Structures are given as C-alpha cells and as structure tokens.
Protein backbone atom coordinates (compact mmCIF):
# COMPACT_ATOMS: atom_id res chain seq x y z
CA UNK A 1 82.00 99.29 48.60
CA UNK A 2 79.32 97.63 50.97
CA UNK A 3 80.24 94.03 51.48
CA UNK A 4 78.00 93.23 54.54
CA UNK A 5 74.55 94.62 54.99
CA UNK A 6 73.06 91.90 57.11
CA UNK A 7 72.37 91.70 60.52
CA UNK A 8 74.37 88.52 61.82
CA UNK A 9 75.41 89.48 64.89
CA UNK A 10 73.91 90.54 68.28
CA UNK A 11 76.56 93.18 69.36
CA UNK A 12 79.28 95.04 67.77
CA UNK A 13 82.05 96.47 69.96
CA UNK A 14 84.07 99.20 68.73
CA UNK A 15 87.40 99.28 70.30
CA UNK A 16 90.18 96.59 70.61
CA UNK A 17 92.05 97.83 73.89
CA UNK A 18 91.69 95.95 77.11
CA UNK A 19 88.38 97.91 77.91
CA UNK A 20 86.87 96.67 74.56
CA UNK A 21 88.24 93.11 74.80
CA UNK A 22 87.04 92.79 78.31
CA UNK A 23 83.66 93.82 77.32
CA UNK A 24 83.79 91.54 74.13
CA UNK A 25 84.78 88.59 76.13
CA UNK A 26 82.07 89.20 78.54
CA UNK A 27 79.63 89.16 76.10
CA UNK A 28 80.69 86.20 74.05
CA UNK A 29 80.93 84.27 77.06
CA UNK A 30 77.14 85.10 77.88
CA UNK A 31 76.42 83.41 74.69
CA UNK A 32 76.03 86.30 72.29
CA UNK A 33 77.15 86.45 68.61
CA UNK A 34 79.91 89.38 68.84
CA UNK A 35 82.03 91.10 66.59
CA UNK A 36 84.74 93.29 67.60
CA UNK A 37 86.19 96.20 65.44
CA UNK A 38 89.80 97.25 66.14
CA UNK A 39 91.67 100.21 64.50
CA UNK A 40 95.13 98.46 65.02
CA UNK A 41 98.58 99.35 66.61
CA UNK A 42 98.18 102.89 64.68
CA UNK A 43 95.51 103.87 67.10
CA UNK A 44 96.59 105.74 70.27
CA UNK A 45 96.44 102.74 72.62
CA UNK A 46 96.45 103.38 76.27
CA UNK A 47 97.23 99.56 76.72
CA UNK A 48 100.72 99.87 75.73
CA UNK A 49 101.86 102.05 78.34
CA UNK A 50 99.84 100.48 81.24
CA UNK A 51 101.39 100.03 84.52
CA UNK A 52 99.88 96.71 84.87
CA UNK A 53 98.39 97.58 88.62
CA UNK A 54 95.30 96.06 90.07
CA UNK A 55 94.61 98.86 92.37
CA UNK A 56 91.66 100.12 94.74
CA UNK A 57 93.77 102.09 97.13
CA UNK A 58 93.01 105.60 97.39
CA UNK A 59 90.50 105.61 94.40
CA UNK A 60 87.05 107.33 94.92
CA UNK A 61 88.02 110.74 96.57
CA UNK A 62 85.10 112.97 95.10
CA UNK A 63 82.81 109.80 94.24
CA UNK A 64 82.61 107.04 96.58
CA UNK A 65 80.79 104.89 93.94
CA UNK A 66 84.00 104.92 92.28
CA UNK A 67 85.93 103.39 95.30
CA UNK A 68 83.21 100.61 95.75
CA UNK A 69 83.47 99.92 91.94
CA UNK A 70 87.28 99.65 92.01
CA UNK A 71 87.28 97.64 95.35
CA UNK A 72 84.64 95.23 93.78
CA UNK A 73 87.01 94.92 90.65
CA UNK A 74 89.89 93.87 93.00
CA UNK A 75 87.99 91.37 94.78
CA UNK A 76 86.88 89.63 91.66
CA UNK A 77 90.08 89.64 89.81
CA UNK A 78 91.57 86.23 91.19
CA UNK A 79 88.55 84.33 89.65
CA UNK A 80 88.93 86.49 86.57
CA UNK A 81 92.40 85.74 86.09
CA UNK A 82 91.76 81.79 86.78
CA UNK A 83 89.16 81.50 84.20
CA UNK A 84 91.03 83.33 81.45
CA UNK A 85 94.37 81.05 82.08
CA UNK A 86 92.21 77.94 82.08
CA UNK A 87 90.64 78.96 79.00
CA UNK A 88 93.63 80.19 76.87
CA UNK A 89 96.71 78.56 78.94
CA UNK A 90 98.23 82.27 79.23
CA UNK A 91 99.56 82.97 82.63
CA UNK A 92 98.62 86.44 83.37
CA UNK A 93 101.28 86.76 86.02
CA UNK A 94 98.79 88.13 88.68
CA UNK A 95 100.21 88.91 91.91
CA UNK A 96 97.76 90.20 94.41
CA UNK A 97 99.42 90.10 97.72
CA UNK A 98 99.12 93.61 98.49
CA UNK A 99 100.60 96.95 97.10
CA UNK A 100 102.50 99.81 98.60
CA UNK A 101 101.91 103.78 98.49
CA UNK A 102 105.44 105.03 99.56
CA UNK A 103 105.92 108.47 100.86
CA UNK A 104 109.06 110.61 101.05
CA UNK A 105 107.86 113.16 103.78
CA UNK A 106 105.61 113.22 106.87
CA UNK A 107 103.15 115.76 105.18
CA UNK A 108 102.68 113.59 102.17
CA UNK A 109 101.95 110.22 104.45
CA UNK A 110 99.62 112.19 106.54
CA UNK A 111 97.54 113.40 103.63
CA UNK A 112 97.44 109.80 102.20
CA UNK A 113 96.48 108.22 105.63
CA UNK A 114 93.54 111.06 105.96
CA UNK A 115 92.61 110.15 102.45
CA UNK A 116 92.27 106.36 103.23
CA UNK A 117 90.34 107.32 106.50
CA UNK A 118 87.73 109.19 104.40
CA UNK A 119 87.18 106.39 102.11
CA UNK A 120 86.88 103.89 104.84
CA UNK A 121 84.32 105.76 106.76
CA UNK A 122 82.30 106.74 103.44
CA UNK A 123 82.27 103.09 101.94
CA UNK A 124 80.99 101.84 104.97
CA UNK A 125 82.38 98.28 104.77
CA UNK A 126 85.47 96.41 104.23
CA UNK A 127 88.37 98.70 103.30
CA UNK A 128 91.59 97.33 104.66
CA UNK A 129 94.73 99.13 104.91
CA UNK A 130 97.79 99.46 107.12
CA UNK A 131 100.04 102.41 108.01
CA UNK A 132 103.68 101.48 108.06
CA UNK A 133 106.86 103.15 109.69
CA UNK A 134 110.17 103.00 107.89
CA UNK A 135 111.15 100.06 109.94
CA UNK A 136 108.06 98.01 109.45
CA UNK A 137 108.32 98.91 105.71
CA UNK A 138 111.93 97.79 105.57
CA UNK A 139 111.18 94.64 106.96
CA UNK A 140 108.54 93.96 104.44
CA UNK A 141 110.75 95.32 101.84
CA UNK A 142 114.50 95.46 102.43
CA UNK A 143 115.71 97.36 99.55
CA UNK A 144 113.76 100.59 100.17
CA UNK A 145 115.63 103.62 100.26
CA UNK A 146 116.56 105.80 103.30
CA UNK A 147 114.38 108.70 101.92
CA UNK A 148 111.19 106.73 102.56
CA UNK A 149 109.59 107.65 105.52
CA UNK A 150 106.77 105.33 105.46
CA UNK A 151 103.87 103.83 103.33
CA UNK A 152 100.46 102.55 103.25
CA UNK A 153 100.10 98.92 102.80
CA UNK A 154 96.93 97.75 101.04
CA UNK A 155 96.30 93.85 100.92
CA UNK A 156 93.81 93.95 98.10
CA UNK A 157 96.05 95.45 95.59
CA UNK A 158 98.53 94.00 93.11
CA UNK A 159 99.62 93.83 89.43
CA UNK A 160 99.41 91.82 86.46
CA UNK A 161 101.18 91.88 82.86
CA UNK A 162 98.86 94.16 80.63
CA UNK A 163 100.03 92.76 77.52
CA UNK A 164 99.36 89.00 78.60
CA UNK A 165 95.96 90.15 79.70
CA UNK A 166 95.16 91.73 76.49
CA UNK A 167 96.61 88.49 74.66
CA UNK A 168 94.46 86.25 76.62
CA UNK A 169 91.25 88.28 76.19
CA UNK A 170 91.92 88.21 72.53
CA UNK A 171 92.27 84.66 72.60
CA UNK A 172 89.46 83.94 74.96
CA UNK A 173 87.12 86.09 72.67
CA UNK A 174 88.06 84.07 69.66
CA UNK A 175 87.84 80.65 71.48
CA UNK A 176 84.23 81.25 72.34
CA UNK A 177 83.35 82.27 68.91
CA UNK A 178 83.68 86.03 68.62
CA UNK A 179 84.65 87.53 65.59
CA UNK A 180 87.69 90.25 65.26
CA UNK A 181 87.98 92.87 62.51
CA UNK A 182 91.41 94.27 62.76
CA UNK A 183 92.66 97.46 60.94
CA UNK A 184 89.50 99.21 60.32
CA UNK A 185 88.60 102.83 61.24
CA UNK A 186 84.79 103.46 62.54
CA UNK A 187 83.50 106.00 60.21
CA UNK A 188 79.89 106.25 60.72
CA UNK A 189 76.98 104.91 62.79
CA UNK A 190 73.38 105.27 62.28
CA UNK A 191 70.36 103.94 64.10
CA UNK A 192 67.38 102.72 61.83
CA UNK A 193 64.53 100.58 62.80
CA UNK A 194 65.96 98.87 65.92
CA UNK A 195 69.50 98.02 64.42
CA UNK A 196 73.05 100.09 64.12
CA UNK A 197 74.55 100.18 60.96
CA UNK A 198 78.21 100.85 61.41
CA UNK A 199 80.66 101.60 58.42
CA UNK A 200 84.03 100.71 58.85
CA UNK A 201 86.85 99.56 56.55
CA UNK A 202 84.41 99.57 53.61
CA UNK A 203 82.09 97.49 55.12
CA UNK A 204 78.77 97.99 56.75
CA UNK A 205 78.12 96.08 59.97
CA UNK A 206 74.69 95.49 61.23
CA UNK A 207 74.03 94.92 64.75
CA UNK A 208 70.92 95.02 67.40
CA UNK A 209 73.59 96.88 69.93
CA UNK A 210 76.63 98.77 69.83
CA UNK A 211 79.28 99.30 72.35
CA UNK A 212 81.73 102.25 71.94
CA UNK A 213 84.99 101.45 73.83
CA UNK A 214 87.10 103.31 71.54
CA UNK A 215 89.36 105.30 73.99
CA UNK A 216 89.97 108.58 72.73
CA UNK A 217 87.97 107.93 69.59
CA UNK A 218 84.62 107.70 71.82
CA UNK A 219 84.72 111.60 71.65
CA UNK A 220 83.87 111.60 67.83
CA UNK A 221 81.81 108.21 67.73
CA UNK A 222 79.52 109.05 70.91
CA UNK A 223 77.42 112.02 69.15
CA UNK A 224 76.39 109.69 66.46
CA UNK A 225 74.50 107.57 68.85
CA UNK A 226 73.11 110.44 71.12
CA UNK A 227 75.84 110.51 73.50
CA UNK A 228 78.72 112.72 74.70
CA UNK A 229 82.34 111.65 75.58
CA UNK A 230 84.28 114.81 76.64
CA UNK A 231 87.64 112.56 77.04
CA UNK A 232 90.88 114.22 76.83
CA UNK A 233 94.72 112.31 76.38
CA UNK A 234 97.09 112.46 79.52
CA UNK A 235 100.55 111.21 78.29
CA UNK A 236 102.61 108.82 80.87
CA UNK A 237 105.87 107.81 80.04
CA UNK A 238 107.07 104.42 81.20
CA UNK A 239 110.84 103.20 81.44
CA UNK A 240 111.94 99.53 81.77
CA UNK A 241 115.18 97.95 82.77
CA UNK A 242 117.28 95.00 82.03
CA UNK A 243 116.15 91.86 83.89
CA UNK A 244 117.57 91.75 87.35
CA UNK A 245 117.33 89.50 90.44
CA UNK A 246 114.19 89.83 92.49
CA UNK A 247 114.22 92.26 94.83
CA UNK A 248 110.92 93.81 95.08
CA UNK A 249 107.68 91.68 96.38
CA UNK A 250 104.99 94.25 96.28
CA UNK A 251 104.16 96.83 93.56
CA UNK A 252 103.82 100.51 94.03
CA UNK A 253 102.71 103.49 92.19
CA UNK A 254 106.13 104.28 91.11
CA UNK A 255 108.07 101.03 90.60
CA UNK A 256 107.00 97.18 90.02
CA UNK A 257 109.15 94.20 89.38
CA UNK A 258 107.54 91.88 86.84
CA UNK A 259 107.34 88.15 86.94
CA UNK A 260 110.18 88.06 84.35
CA UNK A 261 112.53 90.24 86.42
CA UNK A 262 112.32 93.46 84.56
CA UNK A 263 111.69 96.64 86.44
CA UNK A 264 109.01 98.99 85.47
CA UNK A 265 109.28 102.77 86.35
CA UNK A 266 106.66 105.30 85.67
CA UNK A 267 104.25 108.00 87.33
CA UNK A 268 104.23 110.88 84.93
CA UNK A 269 101.41 113.00 84.00
CA UNK A 270 101.52 115.40 81.02
CA UNK A 271 99.10 117.60 79.05
CA UNK A 272 100.50 117.48 75.86
CA UNK A 273 97.68 116.74 73.21
CA UNK A 274 98.11 113.69 71.04
CA UNK A 275 101.69 113.43 71.65
CA UNK A 276 102.55 109.88 72.73
CA UNK A 277 106.34 110.33 72.48
CA UNK A 278 109.07 110.60 75.13
CA UNK A 279 111.31 113.32 76.52
CA UNK A 280 114.80 113.06 78.17
CA UNK A 281 113.57 115.41 80.82
CA UNK A 282 110.69 113.44 82.08
CA UNK A 283 112.61 110.06 81.70
CA UNK A 284 115.34 111.54 83.62
CA UNK A 285 112.79 112.64 86.22
CA UNK A 286 111.38 109.11 86.45
CA UNK A 287 114.46 107.42 86.85
CA UNK A 288 115.50 109.70 89.86
CA UNK A 289 112.31 109.27 91.81
CA UNK A 290 112.83 105.57 91.21
CA UNK A 291 116.15 105.71 92.74
CA UNK A 292 115.14 107.59 95.54
CA UNK A 293 112.72 104.94 96.36
CA UNK A 294 115.04 102.11 95.53
CA UNK A 295 118.66 102.99 95.37
CA UNK A 296 119.59 99.54 94.40
CA UNK A 297 118.20 100.66 91.03
CA UNK A 298 121.00 103.52 90.27
CA UNK A 299 123.43 101.07 88.43
CA UNK A 300 120.51 99.12 86.66
CA UNK A 301 120.58 99.69 82.85
CA UNK A 302 117.31 101.12 81.27
CA UNK A 303 116.58 99.13 78.12
CA UNK A 304 113.74 101.56 76.55
CA UNK A 305 111.44 104.11 77.20
CA UNK A 306 107.98 104.96 75.75
CA UNK A 307 104.92 106.93 76.03
CA UNK A 308 101.18 106.32 75.74
CA UNK A 309 98.01 108.44 76.39
CA UNK A 310 95.59 107.92 78.91
CA UNK A 311 91.85 108.58 78.30
CA UNK A 312 90.83 110.92 80.81
CA UNK A 313 87.34 112.65 81.72
CA UNK A 314 87.16 115.98 83.12
CA UNK A 315 87.06 114.66 86.74
CA UNK A 316 89.00 111.42 86.02
CA UNK A 317 85.86 108.96 86.87
CA UNK A 318 84.60 106.60 84.17
CA UNK A 319 81.53 107.28 81.81
CA UNK A 320 79.21 104.36 81.68
CA UNK A 321 75.89 105.25 79.67
CA UNK A 322 73.11 103.84 77.73
CA UNK A 323 71.78 105.95 75.02
CA UNK A 324 68.01 107.09 75.13
CA UNK A 325 68.05 108.32 71.55
CA UNK A 326 69.53 105.30 70.24
CA UNK A 327 68.36 102.19 72.63
CA UNK A 328 70.82 99.54 72.40
CA UNK A 329 73.98 101.95 72.26
CA UNK A 330 76.38 102.14 75.01
CA UNK A 331 79.35 104.17 75.73
CA UNK A 332 82.27 102.91 77.98
CA UNK A 333 85.20 105.36 78.84
CA UNK A 334 87.60 104.92 81.71
CA UNK A 335 91.32 105.28 82.42
CA UNK A 336 91.77 102.32 84.58
CA UNK A 337 90.89 99.62 82.08
CA UNK A 338 93.22 96.86 83.88
CA UNK A 339 91.72 97.10 87.45
CA UNK A 340 88.13 97.45 86.14
CA UNK A 341 88.61 94.64 83.52
CA UNK A 342 86.97 91.96 85.60
CA UNK A 343 83.76 94.43 86.29
CA UNK A 344 83.83 95.19 82.50
CA UNK A 345 83.70 91.46 81.64
CA UNK A 346 81.07 90.81 84.31
CA UNK A 347 78.59 93.29 85.96
CA UNK A 348 78.87 95.83 82.92
CA UNK A 349 78.14 93.10 80.59
CA UNK A 350 75.17 92.12 82.76
CA UNK A 351 73.75 95.35 82.73
CA UNK A 352 74.16 96.00 78.87
CA UNK A 353 71.98 92.80 78.47
CA UNK A 354 69.35 92.78 81.21
CA UNK A 355 68.97 96.76 81.34
CA UNK A 356 69.31 96.38 85.24
CA UNK A 357 72.07 99.05 85.87
CA UNK A 358 74.48 98.31 89.12
CA UNK A 359 73.90 101.02 91.84
CA UNK A 360 77.75 101.61 91.82
CA UNK A 361 77.75 102.97 88.30
CA UNK A 362 74.68 105.48 88.31
CA UNK A 363 76.60 108.71 89.04
CA UNK A 364 79.14 107.75 85.84
CA UNK A 365 77.02 109.66 83.43
CA UNK A 366 78.22 112.44 81.12
CA UNK A 367 75.59 114.92 82.28
CA UNK A 368 77.67 115.41 85.25
CA UNK A 369 79.56 117.78 83.31
CA UNK A 370 76.93 120.13 82.07
CA UNK A 371 76.95 121.66 85.48
C-alpha cells in the first residue's frame, strides 16, 4: 500500500552504511532535506568488518587519481572528526600519528619502497614516507618481532573506531534534521518528470535527487537509473582479543590496538560469494601472522571472530557517477569507506549539489570496464 506520494524531500539516499551515512550527513549539513533508507542489520554490511584505518599509503597504483583522492581524504580527517565530535559528543578515537607497513623479508620491503617511489613521483606533490630499518622500527615500536626486517612509516595515516564513526554519522544526521527509515528494502526506482519515485517497505518516496550508496545492493539498483555497478563481494575475517595493556601506538595493515586496549587482527581476502562467515583455517592464519609481527600476542586470548564482505569493483577503485539517462541520480561505490568518509561528506556532496565534478574523480566511471 502506498503511504506517501508527495515530493517532500530534496534527496533520498539509499544505503545506511558508512558510505551512505557520510553522504547523507554532508547533504543535510549543506541545508538539504534528506531522507535515508537503510535495509537494517540483516544487510551485508561492510562497516561491521572494517579495520578502521584512515589510510592513504600505497593506494593509487594503477590510477594516480585514487592516490590523490585518498591523500586528500586523510588530510581532511582531523577537521571532519572534530566537527562530528563537537556535534554529537562522541569521541571517534581518531589517532593520526602515522601508520606502519611492516615487512617480513627484503623482497617485500623493496617492492613496497618501489611502489611508494612511483606514487610520490606520479603524484607530483607532498607524499611523505620513511623507510625504517629493523633497529629504527623497534625504537618506535619495541614489541615488534624479530622476523620483521623493516617497515614503511607514513605520517599521514592513522585509525579510528568504525562503529563510533557510524554512530556519530547517524546521530549527526538526525541532529541536523535528517530523516532515517530503517528496516526497508529498496524494490523499485522510477524517474518521471524530474522526480524519482522509490518504493521501499510499502512506501513510495519521492525526491528530486537519489543517491545509490547501497554497497553490494548497488548492482541491482544502478540499472534502474541508467547506471551500472559491477561490484563483487570479497570476504575479510577479523579477530579481536581481550583488552590488554597498551603496547602498540601505530596501526598497521595487520594489527592495530584500539583506544580501549582491544587488539584487532585481520588482512584476509577471500572470494567466497555472499558468505560472510568465518573459518578456523583463516582465523588460525590471521593469528599466526599477527604473532610473527608481535610475539607478545602469543598468550593473549582471542575473544571473538567474524567475517564481512568488502564491496569491490573489478579494479578495486571507486565508482562515482551521475546518470545521464536520469539526471539527479548518483552512484557511489567504494571499498574504503572509512578513509574516504571525509571526502564523501564534503567534496562529493559539493559535486552532487553544484554539478562541478572534482578533477580527481573523473576517471572513476563504470565505462572503464567496457574495454
């Protein structure tokens, strides 16, 4: 039964994960009337398995625009976090004192140094990093294991609590007048006479603009507005430990310690379709890798483990696209929603409202997959 058929909002955002919430928050902060549709916790949320890194290091090989976009996002994060904390009173636990990419052999370190050199030269600007030998690394992080032969230190990187971020975006969105409808599945979208009619949960929502930020759900929704989202799931498994005394100041791609003392361990990539479960084999592998990097973890108790599905395009880079068939429809798909949240709430929203596209996102169109 249709409960609502009037155009009472400016923008409808489909998807209540970190990506959709950041965009919705940015839109309502800009003064728009915004409603967000969230499928609920039964959806394959990428946010629940996020490692919480604010990370630009090493990103952009194969597309230098992604390196610039990620670097800009990391640079904007301190102000973004301060704004959310001031509005909601939620401490996002942002620590941006630098990150470590640790290596267990000389070949891996040499490859990563080469990658950073390429990115620094291609980006043509400020791209700081430092190559650390084992002695310097252990001066910085005394509990690093003897198998680690060196690392790359990147001062721009850091980490944040992804759950606190999501909560603060939801609360900030509501505090600024945004509407949120939870527990509904978007079934159909039609574009008629300059308006979008979206059916979800027995209600017809009418808006002048629609933003698709539904993660893996974008694959089915995008064709309804003349767009294409060739996204695929990629499972990552996460292990968290009991709270322990602080021993790790700088996050890495494999291990980070939260402000609460919990150690989070990850870095698995599995092509298993829509299976977001866990396996003993992968959890054991994750644990062994963590102990190789930090032997102090050998006697720490693991509390729980879970899996989550990343939203991946064929090349790993985002899709940001406005529909030419249905003007006012936008598609946003990426797998780095935490790092890019500051840009999604800022520059991306400015593009949607003004029509002026940032130069760094011009290469993130789905037509690149037609070749």
